[in-house]
N, C-alpha and C. Protein backbone atom coordinates (compact mmCIF):
# COMPACT_ATOMS: atom_id res chain seq x y z
N MET A 1 0.85 -1.25 0.03
CA MET A 1 -0.07 0.17 0.04
C MET A 1 0.87 1.20 0.03
N LYS A 2 2.01 1.23 0.83
CA LYS A 2 2.66 2.48 0.95
C LYS A 2 3.35 2.77 -0.46
N ARG A 3 3.84 1.54 -1.33
CA ARG A 3 4.53 1.77 -2.37
C ARG A 3 3.55 2.23 -3.46
N THR A 4 2.16 1.89 -3.24
CA THR A 4 1.28 2.56 -4.26
C THR A 4 0.95 4.03 -4.12
N TYR A 5 0.92 4.44 -2.67
CA TYR A 5 0.75 5.87 -2.47
C TYR A 5 1.94 6.86 -2.80
N LYS A 6 3.15 6.03 -2.63
CA LYS A 6 4.50 6.65 -3.04
C LYS A 6 4.39 6.98 -4.75
N THR A 7 4.22 5.89 -5.40
CA THR A 7 4.16 6.05 -6.76
C THR A 7 3.22 6.89 -7.27
N ARG A 8 1.96 7.11 -6.66
CA ARG A 8 1.01 8.09 -7.04
C ARG A 8 1.58 9.50 -6.76
N GLY A 9 2.02 9.56 -5.79
CA GLY A 9 2.69 10.88 -5.36
C GLY A 9 3.75 11.37 -6.39
N ILE A 10 4.59 10.47 -6.92
CA ILE A 10 5.56 10.85 -7.84
C ILE A 10 4.98 11.23 -9.10
N VAL A 11 3.98 10.30 -9.46
CA VAL A 11 3.13 10.59 -10.86
C VAL A 11 2.70 12.07 -10.79
N ARG A 12 1.93 12.30 -9.51
CA ARG A 12 1.16 13.69 -9.54
C ARG A 12 2.21 14.87 -9.73
N ALA A 13 3.32 14.58 -8.71
CA ALA A 13 4.33 15.64 -8.75
C ALA A 13 5.08 15.92 -10.21
N LEU A 14 5.21 14.88 -11.00
CA LEU A 14 5.72 15.00 -12.23
C LEU A 14 4.83 15.70 -13.24
N ALA A 15 3.26 15.26 -12.74
CA ALA A 15 2.30 15.92 -13.73
C ALA A 15 2.27 17.62 -13.55
N VAL A 16 2.40 17.83 -12.18
CA VAL A 16 2.46 19.30 -11.69
C VAL A 16 3.54 20.13 -12.25
N VAL A 17 4.75 19.30 -12.35
CA VAL A 17 5.89 20.15 -13.05
C VAL A 17 5.79 20.13 -14.30
N GLY A 18 5.25 19.04 -14.92
CA GLY A 18 4.91 19.06 -16.30
C GLY A 18 4.01 20.24 -16.82
N ALA A 19 2.93 20.39 -16.28
CA ALA A 19 1.95 21.17 -16.48
C ALA A 19 2.26 22.48 -16.29
N LEU A 20 3.45 22.94 -15.42
CA LEU A 20 3.91 24.20 -15.06
C LEU A 20 4.87 24.62 -16.04
N SER A 21 5.64 23.66 -16.57
CA SER A 21 6.42 23.91 -17.70
C SER A 21 5.81 24.08 -19.00
N LEU A 22 4.58 23.70 -19.22
CA LEU A 22 3.88 23.91 -20.40
C LEU A 22 3.41 25.37 -20.11
N VAL A 23 2.88 25.81 -18.97
CA VAL A 23 2.35 27.07 -18.94
C VAL A 23 3.53 28.18 -19.12
N ALA A 24 4.72 27.82 -18.60
CA ALA A 24 5.68 28.71 -18.61
C ALA A 24 6.10 29.01 -19.93
N SER A 25 5.99 27.63 -20.83
CA SER A 25 6.46 27.77 -22.17
C SER A 25 5.63 28.67 -22.99
N ALA A 26 4.17 28.42 -22.48
CA ALA A 26 3.20 29.14 -23.32
C ALA A 26 3.39 30.84 -22.95
N SER A 27 3.68 31.08 -21.71
CA SER A 27 3.87 32.47 -21.39
C SER A 27 5.07 33.19 -22.01
N HIS A 28 5.98 32.41 -22.55
CA HIS A 28 7.01 32.75 -23.22
C HIS A 28 6.86 32.80 -24.75
N ALA A 29 5.50 32.59 -25.28
CA ALA A 29 5.48 32.37 -26.64
C ALA A 29 5.62 33.61 -27.37
N THR A 30 5.81 34.85 -27.09
CA THR A 30 5.89 35.99 -27.67
C THR A 30 7.26 36.63 -27.21
N LEU A 31 7.09 37.08 -26.06
CA LEU A 31 8.14 37.83 -25.33
C LEU A 31 8.83 37.32 -24.22
N LEU A 32 10.01 37.57 -23.90
CA LEU A 32 10.68 37.03 -22.66
C LEU A 32 10.38 37.82 -21.39
N ASN A 33 10.09 39.15 -21.72
CA ASN A 33 9.75 40.00 -20.67
C ASN A 33 10.99 40.18 -19.69
N LEU A 34 12.00 40.30 -20.32
CA LEU A 34 13.28 40.50 -19.57
C LEU A 34 13.28 41.75 -18.64
N VAL A 35 13.76 41.56 -17.45
CA VAL A 35 14.15 42.74 -16.58
C VAL A 35 15.44 42.94 -16.47
N LEU A 36 16.03 43.99 -17.05
CA LEU A 36 17.44 44.34 -17.15
C LEU A 36 17.82 45.24 -16.11
N PRO A 37 19.04 45.14 -15.22
CA PRO A 37 19.33 46.22 -14.25
C PRO A 37 19.95 47.27 -14.88
N GLU A 38 20.03 48.52 -14.19
CA GLU A 38 20.35 49.59 -14.52
C GLU A 38 21.92 49.47 -14.85
N ASN A 39 22.54 48.84 -14.07
CA ASN A 39 23.91 48.67 -14.19
C ASN A 39 24.44 47.17 -13.64
N PRO A 40 25.56 46.66 -14.40
CA PRO A 40 26.31 47.14 -15.28
C PRO A 40 25.42 47.11 -16.63
N ASP A 41 25.63 47.96 -17.66
CA ASP A 41 25.03 48.09 -18.72
C ASP A 41 25.79 48.64 -20.13
N LEU A 42 25.62 48.26 -21.12
CA LEU A 42 26.27 48.73 -22.45
C LEU A 42 25.14 49.00 -23.18
N TYR A 43 25.13 50.49 -23.50
CA TYR A 43 23.89 50.97 -24.13
C TYR A 43 24.44 51.35 -25.71
N ILE A 44 23.60 50.76 -26.51
CA ILE A 44 23.98 50.91 -28.01
C ILE A 44 22.96 51.78 -28.70
N ALA A 45 23.59 52.78 -29.55
CA ALA A 45 22.70 53.56 -30.06
C ALA A 45 22.81 53.47 -31.72
N TYR A 46 21.93 54.07 -32.56
CA TYR A 46 21.75 53.98 -34.03
C TYR A 46 21.96 52.52 -34.61
N VAL A 47 20.96 51.60 -34.05
CA VAL A 47 21.04 50.29 -34.40
C VAL A 47 20.11 50.10 -35.77
N SER A 48 20.83 49.42 -36.80
CA SER A 48 20.11 49.04 -37.79
C SER A 48 19.86 47.56 -37.85
N MET A 49 18.65 47.26 -38.35
CA MET A 49 18.53 45.86 -38.17
C MET A 49 17.82 45.23 -39.37
N ASN A 50 18.17 44.11 -39.70
CA ASN A 50 17.69 43.51 -40.93
C ASN A 50 17.50 41.98 -40.96
N TYR A 51 16.55 41.51 -41.51
CA TYR A 51 16.32 39.95 -41.53
C TYR A 51 16.17 39.47 -42.99
N THR A 52 17.04 38.65 -43.37
CA THR A 52 16.90 37.89 -44.65
C THR A 52 16.14 36.63 -44.65
N ALA A 53 15.01 36.44 -45.14
CA ALA A 53 14.58 35.09 -44.69
C ALA A 53 15.43 33.90 -45.50
N SER A 54 15.80 34.19 -46.65
CA SER A 54 16.63 33.41 -47.61
C SER A 54 18.01 32.69 -46.91
N THR A 55 18.46 33.44 -46.06
CA THR A 55 19.61 33.21 -45.41
C THR A 55 19.28 33.03 -43.82
N THR A 56 18.11 33.30 -43.31
CA THR A 56 17.86 33.03 -42.05
C THR A 56 18.60 33.94 -40.97
N LEU A 57 19.15 35.04 -41.47
CA LEU A 57 20.12 35.87 -40.69
C LEU A 57 19.46 37.18 -40.31
N PHE A 58 19.28 37.36 -38.94
CA PHE A 58 18.84 38.40 -38.21
C PHE A 58 20.07 39.15 -37.75
N GLU A 59 20.26 40.47 -38.04
CA GLU A 59 21.56 41.06 -37.84
C GLU A 59 21.21 42.51 -37.33
N ALA A 60 21.79 42.89 -36.14
CA ALA A 60 21.56 44.17 -35.80
C ALA A 60 22.82 44.80 -35.43
N ILE A 61 23.10 46.00 -36.15
CA ILE A 61 24.55 46.70 -36.23
C ILE A 61 24.36 48.15 -35.66
N GLY A 62 25.05 48.32 -34.61
CA GLY A 62 25.03 49.73 -34.14
C GLY A 62 26.27 50.30 -33.48
N GLN A 63 26.28 51.33 -32.89
CA GLN A 63 27.33 52.09 -32.19
C GLN A 63 27.32 51.91 -30.74
N THR A 64 28.29 51.36 -30.14
CA THR A 64 28.51 51.28 -28.55
C THR A 64 28.60 52.69 -28.10
N ASP A 65 27.66 53.18 -27.38
CA ASP A 65 27.44 54.57 -26.95
C ASP A 65 27.96 54.82 -25.36
N THR A 66 27.50 54.03 -24.45
CA THR A 66 27.55 54.29 -23.15
C THR A 66 27.90 53.00 -22.16
N TYR A 67 28.85 53.16 -21.36
CA TYR A 67 28.89 51.98 -20.42
C TYR A 67 28.61 52.53 -19.14
N ILE A 68 27.61 51.86 -18.47
CA ILE A 68 27.25 52.31 -17.20
C ILE A 68 27.86 51.19 -16.21
N ASP A 69 28.81 51.59 -15.31
CA ASP A 69 29.56 50.58 -14.47
C ASP A 69 28.69 50.19 -13.33
N PRO A 70 29.14 49.39 -12.49
CA PRO A 70 28.31 48.82 -11.32
C PRO A 70 28.00 49.98 -10.34
N ASP A 71 28.86 50.99 -10.38
CA ASP A 71 28.70 52.15 -9.24
C ASP A 71 27.82 53.43 -10.00
N ASN A 72 27.10 52.92 -11.22
CA ASN A 72 26.17 53.75 -11.73
C ASN A 72 26.85 54.96 -12.43
N ASN A 73 28.15 54.86 -12.71
CA ASN A 73 28.79 56.08 -13.39
C ASN A 73 28.57 55.78 -14.84
N TYR A 74 28.16 56.80 -15.67
CA TYR A 74 28.06 56.74 -16.96
C TYR A 74 29.27 57.03 -17.63
N ASN A 75 30.09 56.16 -18.58
CA ASN A 75 31.17 56.44 -19.09
C ASN A 75 30.79 56.43 -20.75
N GLN A 76 31.16 57.50 -21.41
CA GLN A 76 30.93 57.72 -22.70
C GLN A 76 32.00 56.85 -23.54
N ILE A 77 31.53 56.18 -24.62
CA ILE A 77 32.24 55.42 -25.23
C ILE A 77 32.81 56.25 -26.63
N ASN A 78 34.09 56.43 -26.84
CA ASN A 78 34.59 57.11 -27.97
C ASN A 78 33.97 56.70 -29.29
N ASP A 79 33.57 57.70 -30.15
CA ASP A 79 32.57 57.51 -31.20
C ASP A 79 33.47 56.27 -32.02
N LEU A 80 34.44 56.33 -32.61
CA LEU A 80 35.05 55.34 -33.37
C LEU A 80 36.38 54.99 -32.94
N PRO A 81 36.75 53.50 -32.88
CA PRO A 81 35.70 52.42 -33.46
C PRO A 81 35.11 51.90 -32.16
N ALA A 82 33.64 51.90 -32.21
CA ALA A 82 32.90 51.43 -31.16
C ALA A 82 31.59 50.58 -31.94
N THR A 83 31.95 49.62 -32.42
CA THR A 83 30.92 48.83 -33.18
C THR A 83 30.10 47.66 -32.40
N TYR A 84 28.85 47.59 -32.80
CA TYR A 84 28.09 46.63 -32.02
C TYR A 84 27.60 45.65 -33.09
N ASP A 85 27.56 44.28 -33.05
CA ASP A 85 27.21 43.34 -34.04
C ASP A 85 26.37 42.25 -33.50
N LEU A 86 25.19 41.97 -33.58
CA LEU A 86 24.40 40.87 -32.98
C LEU A 86 23.93 39.98 -34.53
N LYS A 87 24.36 38.75 -34.38
CA LYS A 87 24.04 37.96 -35.54
C LYS A 87 23.25 36.88 -34.93
N ALA A 88 21.92 36.61 -35.48
CA ALA A 88 21.22 35.56 -35.05
C ALA A 88 20.53 34.67 -36.31
N TYR A 89 20.73 33.41 -36.17
CA TYR A 89 20.11 32.75 -37.42
C TYR A 89 18.86 32.21 -36.83
N ILE A 90 17.66 32.55 -37.44
CA ILE A 90 16.15 32.10 -36.90
C ILE A 90 15.67 31.53 -38.19
N THR A 91 15.04 30.30 -38.18
CA THR A 91 14.50 29.68 -39.33
C THR A 91 13.05 30.23 -39.47
N SER A 92 12.59 29.95 -40.50
CA SER A 92 11.20 30.21 -40.90
C SER A 92 10.13 29.73 -40.02
N ALA A 93 10.48 28.69 -39.27
CA ALA A 93 9.65 28.24 -38.08
C ALA A 93 9.75 29.06 -36.84
N GLY A 94 10.68 30.11 -36.68
CA GLY A 94 10.92 30.84 -35.67
C GLY A 94 11.86 30.16 -34.73
N GLN A 95 12.84 29.41 -35.19
CA GLN A 95 13.77 28.65 -34.14
C GLN A 95 15.07 29.28 -34.39
N LEU A 96 15.67 29.55 -33.24
CA LEU A 96 16.96 30.23 -33.25
C LEU A 96 17.89 29.02 -33.08
N THR A 97 18.79 28.90 -34.30
CA THR A 97 19.69 27.64 -34.30
C THR A 97 21.21 28.28 -33.89
N ASN A 98 21.39 29.46 -34.26
CA ASN A 98 22.74 29.97 -33.74
C ASN A 98 22.98 31.47 -33.61
N GLY A 99 23.79 31.89 -32.97
CA GLY A 99 24.04 33.37 -32.72
C GLY A 99 25.18 33.87 -32.01
N THR A 100 25.47 35.07 -32.30
CA THR A 100 26.46 35.70 -31.44
C THR A 100 26.38 37.17 -31.28
N VAL A 101 26.89 37.83 -30.12
CA VAL A 101 26.89 39.25 -30.15
C VAL A 101 28.31 39.63 -29.56
N THR A 102 28.85 40.85 -30.30
CA THR A 102 30.10 41.28 -30.10
C THR A 102 30.11 42.65 -30.31
N ILE A 103 30.57 43.20 -28.81
CA ILE A 103 30.51 44.53 -28.52
C ILE A 103 32.04 45.03 -28.51
N LEU A 104 32.48 46.17 -29.46
CA LEU A 104 33.61 46.82 -29.15
C LEU A 104 33.56 48.13 -28.81
N GLY A 105 34.64 48.71 -28.16
CA GLY A 105 34.55 50.17 -27.68
C GLY A 105 35.84 50.65 -27.41
N ASP A 106 36.04 51.89 -27.43
CA ASP A 106 37.48 52.61 -27.21
C ASP A 106 37.13 53.31 -26.03
N THR A 107 37.45 52.77 -24.75
CA THR A 107 37.36 53.32 -23.45
C THR A 107 38.38 54.28 -23.10
N ASP A 108 39.76 54.06 -23.58
CA ASP A 108 40.85 54.88 -23.04
C ASP A 108 41.07 55.70 -24.14
N TYR A 109 40.17 56.11 -25.24
CA TYR A 109 40.51 56.96 -26.15
C TYR A 109 41.81 56.98 -26.91
N ASP A 110 42.38 55.81 -27.35
CA ASP A 110 43.56 55.71 -27.97
C ASP A 110 43.30 55.26 -29.46
N ASN A 111 42.11 55.47 -29.85
CA ASN A 111 41.69 55.05 -31.19
C ASN A 111 41.84 53.44 -31.38
N ILE A 112 42.13 52.73 -30.48
CA ILE A 112 42.21 51.13 -30.68
C ILE A 112 40.92 50.53 -30.28
N PRO A 113 40.38 49.81 -31.02
CA PRO A 113 39.16 49.22 -30.44
C PRO A 113 39.40 48.05 -29.44
N GLU A 114 38.56 48.00 -28.34
CA GLU A 114 38.67 46.95 -27.45
C GLU A 114 37.40 46.21 -27.53
N THR A 115 37.74 44.87 -27.36
CA THR A 115 36.57 43.90 -27.13
C THR A 115 35.97 43.92 -25.74
N LEU A 116 34.80 44.82 -25.68
CA LEU A 116 34.22 44.81 -24.34
C LEU A 116 33.42 43.51 -23.84
N LEU A 117 32.70 42.96 -24.87
CA LEU A 117 32.02 41.96 -24.52
C LEU A 117 31.46 40.99 -25.55
N THR A 118 31.66 39.65 -25.57
CA THR A 118 31.34 38.88 -26.48
C THR A 118 30.39 37.70 -25.84
N GLY A 119 29.26 37.12 -26.62
CA GLY A 119 28.55 36.18 -26.30
C GLY A 119 27.95 35.15 -27.26
N ASN A 120 27.45 34.08 -26.91
CA ASN A 120 26.73 33.14 -27.64
C ASN A 120 25.20 33.28 -27.29
N LEU A 121 24.40 33.33 -28.28
CA LEU A 121 22.81 33.42 -28.11
C LEU A 121 22.43 32.24 -27.61
N SER A 122 21.49 32.33 -26.69
CA SER A 122 20.80 31.04 -26.21
C SER A 122 19.98 30.55 -27.33
N LEU A 123 19.92 29.21 -27.39
CA LEU A 123 19.07 28.40 -28.51
C LEU A 123 17.85 28.20 -28.04
N GLY A 124 16.90 28.03 -29.13
CA GLY A 124 15.47 27.50 -28.67
C GLY A 124 14.48 28.20 -29.56
N TYR A 125 13.25 27.52 -29.58
CA TYR A 125 12.06 28.22 -30.30
C TYR A 125 11.73 29.48 -29.67
N GLU A 126 11.03 30.22 -30.71
CA GLU A 126 10.72 31.63 -30.34
C GLU A 126 10.12 31.75 -28.83
N GLY A 127 10.60 32.74 -28.16
CA GLY A 127 10.19 32.59 -26.64
C GLY A 127 10.83 31.88 -25.79
N ALA A 128 11.81 31.01 -26.14
CA ALA A 128 12.64 30.19 -25.33
C ALA A 128 14.08 31.05 -25.18
N GLY A 129 14.74 31.26 -26.26
CA GLY A 129 15.89 32.02 -26.36
C GLY A 129 15.86 33.41 -26.81
N PHE A 130 14.81 33.83 -27.31
CA PHE A 130 14.45 35.14 -27.58
C PHE A 130 13.06 35.19 -27.80
N GLY A 131 12.61 36.64 -27.99
CA GLY A 131 11.17 36.90 -28.22
C GLY A 131 11.09 38.19 -29.02
N ALA A 132 9.80 38.33 -29.41
CA ALA A 132 9.78 39.50 -30.58
C ALA A 132 8.24 39.87 -30.39
N SER A 133 8.05 41.26 -30.66
CA SER A 133 6.69 41.86 -30.71
C SER A 133 6.48 42.69 -31.97
N THR A 134 5.42 43.03 -32.40
CA THR A 134 5.15 43.75 -33.59
C THR A 134 4.67 45.14 -33.22
N GLY A 135 4.54 45.99 -34.21
CA GLY A 135 3.84 47.26 -34.01
C GLY A 135 4.80 48.33 -33.76
N VAL A 136 4.37 49.61 -33.80
CA VAL A 136 5.02 50.65 -33.56
C VAL A 136 6.08 50.45 -32.22
N ASN A 137 5.65 50.02 -31.10
CA ASN A 137 6.37 49.97 -29.99
C ASN A 137 7.20 48.47 -29.99
N SER A 138 7.41 47.83 -31.13
CA SER A 138 7.77 46.48 -31.17
C SER A 138 9.38 46.58 -30.68
N HIS A 139 9.79 45.27 -30.11
CA HIS A 139 11.03 45.20 -29.61
C HIS A 139 11.42 43.69 -29.60
N PHE A 140 12.69 43.36 -29.79
CA PHE A 140 13.26 42.10 -29.77
C PHE A 140 14.17 41.94 -28.49
N GLU A 141 13.95 40.49 -27.95
CA GLU A 141 14.81 40.25 -26.80
C GLU A 141 15.61 38.95 -27.06
N PHE A 142 16.74 39.12 -26.46
CA PHE A 142 17.59 37.76 -26.54
C PHE A 142 18.42 37.40 -25.43
N LEU A 143 18.61 36.11 -25.04
CA LEU A 143 19.23 35.76 -23.96
C LEU A 143 20.75 35.37 -24.49
N PHE A 144 21.87 35.40 -23.95
CA PHE A 144 23.13 35.16 -24.30
C PHE A 144 24.00 34.65 -23.13
N THR A 145 25.08 34.08 -23.44
CA THR A 145 25.99 33.34 -22.37
C THR A 145 27.37 34.16 -22.68
N ILE A 146 28.03 34.63 -22.01
CA ILE A 146 29.12 35.56 -21.89
C ILE A 146 30.25 34.72 -22.15
N THR A 147 31.00 34.91 -23.36
CA THR A 147 32.41 34.07 -23.66
C THR A 147 33.72 34.92 -23.57
N GLY A 148 33.56 36.13 -23.32
CA GLY A 148 34.77 36.74 -23.25
C GLY A 148 34.61 38.43 -23.33
N GLY A 149 35.82 39.18 -23.16
CA GLY A 149 35.72 40.64 -23.43
C GLY A 149 36.34 41.18 -21.95
N ASP A 150 36.72 42.40 -22.34
CA ASP A 150 37.36 43.09 -21.09
C ASP A 150 36.39 43.21 -19.97
N LEU A 151 34.99 43.29 -20.21
CA LEU A 151 34.27 43.61 -19.20
C LEU A 151 33.40 42.45 -18.63
N ALA A 152 33.89 41.05 -19.36
CA ALA A 152 33.34 39.97 -18.87
C ALA A 152 32.97 39.81 -17.38
N SER A 153 33.93 39.93 -16.59
CA SER A 153 34.08 39.87 -15.19
C SER A 153 33.04 40.74 -14.50
N VAL A 154 32.81 41.83 -15.15
CA VAL A 154 31.91 43.05 -14.38
C VAL A 154 30.48 42.37 -14.78
N PHE A 155 30.42 41.66 -15.80
CA PHE A 155 28.90 41.12 -16.18
C PHE A 155 28.58 39.77 -15.65
N GLY A 156 29.52 39.30 -14.90
CA GLY A 156 29.15 37.95 -14.14
C GLY A 156 30.31 36.96 -14.35
N GLY A 157 31.15 37.30 -15.52
CA GLY A 157 32.18 36.21 -15.79
C GLY A 157 31.79 35.34 -16.96
N ILE A 158 32.87 34.57 -17.39
CA ILE A 158 32.70 33.72 -18.48
C ILE A 158 31.47 32.69 -17.98
N GLY A 159 30.58 32.32 -19.00
CA GLY A 159 29.38 31.49 -18.70
C GLY A 159 28.16 32.15 -18.08
N ALA A 160 28.32 33.26 -17.47
CA ALA A 160 27.26 33.98 -17.11
C ALA A 160 26.14 34.26 -17.99
N GLY A 161 25.01 34.53 -17.64
CA GLY A 161 23.92 34.76 -18.57
C GLY A 161 23.78 36.27 -18.72
N GLY A 162 23.38 36.64 -19.85
CA GLY A 162 22.98 38.19 -20.07
C GLY A 162 21.78 38.22 -20.94
N GLY A 163 21.19 39.65 -20.92
CA GLY A 163 20.03 39.68 -21.69
C GLY A 163 20.21 40.99 -22.57
N ILE A 164 19.51 40.94 -23.72
CA ILE A 164 19.53 42.08 -24.67
C ILE A 164 17.98 42.49 -24.99
N VAL A 165 17.87 43.79 -24.74
CA VAL A 165 16.64 44.16 -25.33
C VAL A 165 16.77 45.29 -26.46
N PHE A 166 16.37 45.02 -27.56
CA PHE A 166 16.56 45.85 -28.65
C PHE A 166 15.15 46.42 -29.32
N PHE A 167 14.99 47.73 -29.26
CA PHE A 167 14.15 48.56 -29.62
C PHE A 167 14.32 49.19 -31.07
N PRO A 168 13.79 48.65 -32.09
CA PRO A 168 13.99 49.47 -33.44
C PRO A 168 13.06 50.84 -33.41
N ASP A 169 13.54 51.64 -32.94
CA ASP A 169 13.03 53.08 -32.76
C ASP A 169 12.13 53.39 -33.74
N GLY A 170 10.74 53.79 -33.79
CA GLY A 170 10.13 54.22 -34.90
C GLY A 170 9.20 52.76 -35.33
N GLY A 171 9.64 51.64 -34.87
CA GLY A 171 8.95 50.43 -35.21
C GLY A 171 9.74 49.70 -36.42
N SER A 172 9.42 48.68 -36.82
CA SER A 172 9.77 47.70 -38.02
C SER A 172 8.92 47.21 -38.88
N THR A 173 9.32 46.73 -39.87
CA THR A 173 8.41 45.93 -40.74
C THR A 173 8.05 44.59 -40.49
N PHE A 174 8.38 44.22 -39.20
CA PHE A 174 8.32 42.75 -38.61
C PHE A 174 6.80 42.56 -38.42
N THR A 175 6.20 41.56 -38.93
CA THR A 175 4.90 41.13 -38.85
C THR A 175 4.56 39.83 -38.16
N ASP A 176 5.46 39.49 -37.54
CA ASP A 176 5.34 38.27 -36.49
C ASP A 176 5.49 36.98 -37.44
N SER A 177 6.24 37.12 -38.56
CA SER A 177 6.47 35.95 -39.40
C SER A 177 7.92 36.11 -39.86
N TRP A 178 8.54 34.76 -39.70
CA TRP A 178 9.80 34.52 -40.54
C TRP A 178 10.03 34.04 -41.67
N THR A 179 9.11 34.24 -42.56
CA THR A 179 9.03 33.84 -43.75
C THR A 179 9.38 34.82 -44.82
N SER A 180 9.59 35.96 -44.29
CA SER A 180 9.76 37.17 -45.25
C SER A 180 10.74 38.04 -44.61
N ASP A 181 11.50 38.89 -45.47
CA ASP A 181 12.38 39.94 -44.96
C ASP A 181 11.75 41.14 -44.16
N PHE A 182 12.46 41.76 -43.29
CA PHE A 182 12.10 42.83 -42.49
C PHE A 182 13.31 43.59 -42.02
N HIS A 183 13.01 44.81 -41.70
CA HIS A 183 13.91 45.90 -41.30
C HIS A 183 13.35 46.93 -40.38
N ASN A 184 14.41 47.86 -39.93
CA ASN A 184 13.94 49.06 -39.35
C ASN A 184 14.49 50.11 -39.85
N GLY A 185 14.41 51.49 -39.63
CA GLY A 185 14.85 52.51 -40.03
C GLY A 185 16.45 52.88 -39.55
N GLY A 186 16.82 52.13 -38.88
CA GLY A 186 18.31 52.40 -38.51
C GLY A 186 18.38 53.36 -37.45
N ALA A 187 17.47 53.68 -36.74
CA ALA A 187 17.50 54.50 -35.34
C ALA A 187 17.17 53.71 -34.16
N GLY A 188 17.26 52.54 -34.24
CA GLY A 188 17.05 51.68 -32.91
C GLY A 188 18.26 51.95 -31.93
N TYR A 189 17.99 51.34 -30.67
CA TYR A 189 18.83 51.32 -29.51
C TYR A 189 18.62 50.03 -28.96
N ALA A 190 19.68 49.62 -28.14
CA ALA A 190 19.72 48.39 -27.29
C ALA A 190 20.33 48.58 -25.96
N ASP A 191 20.13 47.88 -25.06
CA ASP A 191 20.55 47.57 -23.82
C ASP A 191 21.06 46.11 -23.58
N ASN A 192 22.39 46.09 -23.11
CA ASN A 192 22.92 44.69 -22.83
C ASN A 192 23.30 44.65 -21.26
N ALA A 193 22.74 43.84 -20.54
CA ALA A 193 23.08 43.68 -19.16
C ALA A 193 22.91 42.18 -18.64
N PRO A 194 23.26 41.99 -17.33
CA PRO A 194 23.08 40.55 -16.82
C PRO A 194 21.62 40.37 -16.88
N ALA A 195 21.20 39.26 -17.09
CA ALA A 195 19.69 38.62 -17.15
C ALA A 195 19.28 38.62 -15.78
N VAL A 196 18.00 39.01 -15.42
CA VAL A 196 17.23 38.90 -14.24
C VAL A 196 15.91 37.98 -14.70
N PRO A 197 15.71 36.91 -13.75
CA PRO A 197 14.70 36.15 -13.87
C PRO A 197 13.32 36.69 -14.12
N GLU A 198 12.42 36.37 -15.08
CA GLU A 198 11.19 37.11 -15.11
C GLU A 198 10.34 36.61 -13.89
N PRO A 199 9.51 37.56 -13.32
CA PRO A 199 8.84 37.46 -11.94
C PRO A 199 7.95 36.31 -12.22
N SER A 200 7.26 36.05 -13.39
CA SER A 200 6.21 34.95 -13.61
C SER A 200 6.84 33.71 -13.59
N THR A 201 8.15 33.66 -14.19
CA THR A 201 8.72 32.32 -14.10
C THR A 201 9.07 31.90 -12.85
N CYS A 202 9.64 32.85 -11.82
CA CYS A 202 9.79 32.51 -10.62
C CYS A 202 8.70 32.11 -9.76
N LEU A 203 7.45 32.81 -10.02
CA LEU A 203 6.30 32.44 -9.30
C LEU A 203 5.80 31.29 -9.74
N LEU A 204 5.81 30.73 -11.03
CA LEU A 204 5.42 29.52 -11.42
C LEU A 204 6.48 28.39 -10.69
N PHE A 205 7.73 28.57 -10.58
CA PHE A 205 8.56 27.72 -10.09
C PHE A 205 8.16 27.49 -8.43
N VAL A 206 7.90 28.57 -7.82
CA VAL A 206 7.49 28.43 -6.27
C VAL A 206 6.23 27.82 -6.32
N LEU A 207 5.27 27.98 -7.13
CA LEU A 207 3.86 27.29 -7.00
C LEU A 207 4.15 25.74 -7.45
N GLY A 208 5.07 25.55 -8.27
CA GLY A 208 5.21 24.07 -8.60
C GLY A 208 5.90 23.45 -7.19
N VAL A 209 6.71 24.01 -6.64
CA VAL A 209 7.21 23.41 -5.53
C VAL A 209 6.38 23.15 -4.19
N ALA A 210 5.40 24.52 -4.21
CA ALA A 210 4.39 24.39 -3.04
C ALA A 210 3.47 23.37 -3.37
N MET A 211 3.03 23.06 -4.70
CA MET A 211 2.03 21.92 -5.08
C MET A 211 2.80 20.60 -4.73
N CYS A 212 3.80 20.52 -5.00
CA CYS A 212 4.59 19.23 -4.97
C CYS A 212 4.78 18.75 -3.40
N VAL A 213 5.00 19.98 -2.53
CA VAL A 213 5.20 19.67 -1.08
C VAL A 213 3.65 19.31 -0.52
N ALA A 214 2.55 19.99 -1.05
CA ALA A 214 1.27 19.74 -0.52
C ALA A 214 0.80 18.30 -0.98
N THR A 215 1.18 17.80 -2.18
CA THR A 215 0.88 16.54 -2.53
C THR A 215 1.59 15.51 -1.61
N HIS A 216 2.85 15.98 -1.38
CA HIS A 216 3.51 14.87 -0.54
C HIS A 216 2.92 14.80 0.92
N ARG A 217 2.43 15.87 1.44
CA ARG A 217 2.01 16.03 2.70
C ARG A 217 0.66 15.30 2.90
N ARG A 218 -0.31 15.57 2.09
CA ARG A 218 -1.63 14.91 1.68
C ARG A 218 -1.45 13.43 1.83
N HIS A 219 -0.49 12.78 1.09
CA HIS A 219 -0.27 11.45 1.08
C HIS A 219 0.48 11.02 2.39
N LYS A 220 1.23 11.69 3.04
CA LYS A 220 1.64 11.21 4.33
C LYS A 220 0.81 11.03 5.36
N HIS A 221 -0.27 11.94 5.35
CA HIS A 221 -1.37 11.96 6.13
C HIS A 221 -2.37 10.76 6.04
N THR A 222 -2.46 10.44 4.71
CA THR A 222 -3.31 9.43 4.46
C THR A 222 -2.68 8.20 5.02
N ARG A 223 -1.29 7.82 5.05
CA ARG A 223 -0.73 6.62 5.19
C ARG A 223 -0.58 6.58 6.68
N ALA A 224 -0.79 7.65 7.45
CA ALA A 224 -0.62 7.52 8.97
C ALA A 224 -1.58 6.82 9.48
N PRO A 225 -1.26 5.95 10.55
CA PRO A 225 -2.23 4.99 11.34
C PRO A 225 -3.50 5.84 11.94
């Protein structure tokens, strides 16, 4: 009898976790709803974005404008060379298959570009590693893993997670479809910072743990003589 109750408890717990994972997945269907801290942060200006369906390449190119350090000091990046390049390969089905981000900047004003931060984009279907919305206030979100750069340690170190929120200022021609080309007007901007878990995701996790504990306690009381 005890084995039966234990088995049922495990099955129910797995069912709860499975259901919550589906809810979490569904809640990320469009946007990640990233919450990025104010510092440290790399602010990028004049971002132009293009997506070519035939090559599945989404690319955002801009100018590294400001570095906000952990003490909330605003450090202006020298105009040139200070390039930003995000490449993401996204299939017509909305699957991110590969991607990188490279941020250069001249922080000591010697006209020699420094690699400030590099990373690999997280993979997954739309909403798992990245998200997008349409309209005038459309924006794109990406998760990445830090792989290098002079500011890597400030952003959490190699292997730490980061987040990118890109706003194609004035909107874009994106229509929630990855089967055709789209672009923006070249006046976009982006924030790059350590990633913070979405509140709804944390809540789902807590609820899942609570339900599993409640299930275990209910079965424990049922078995008690």
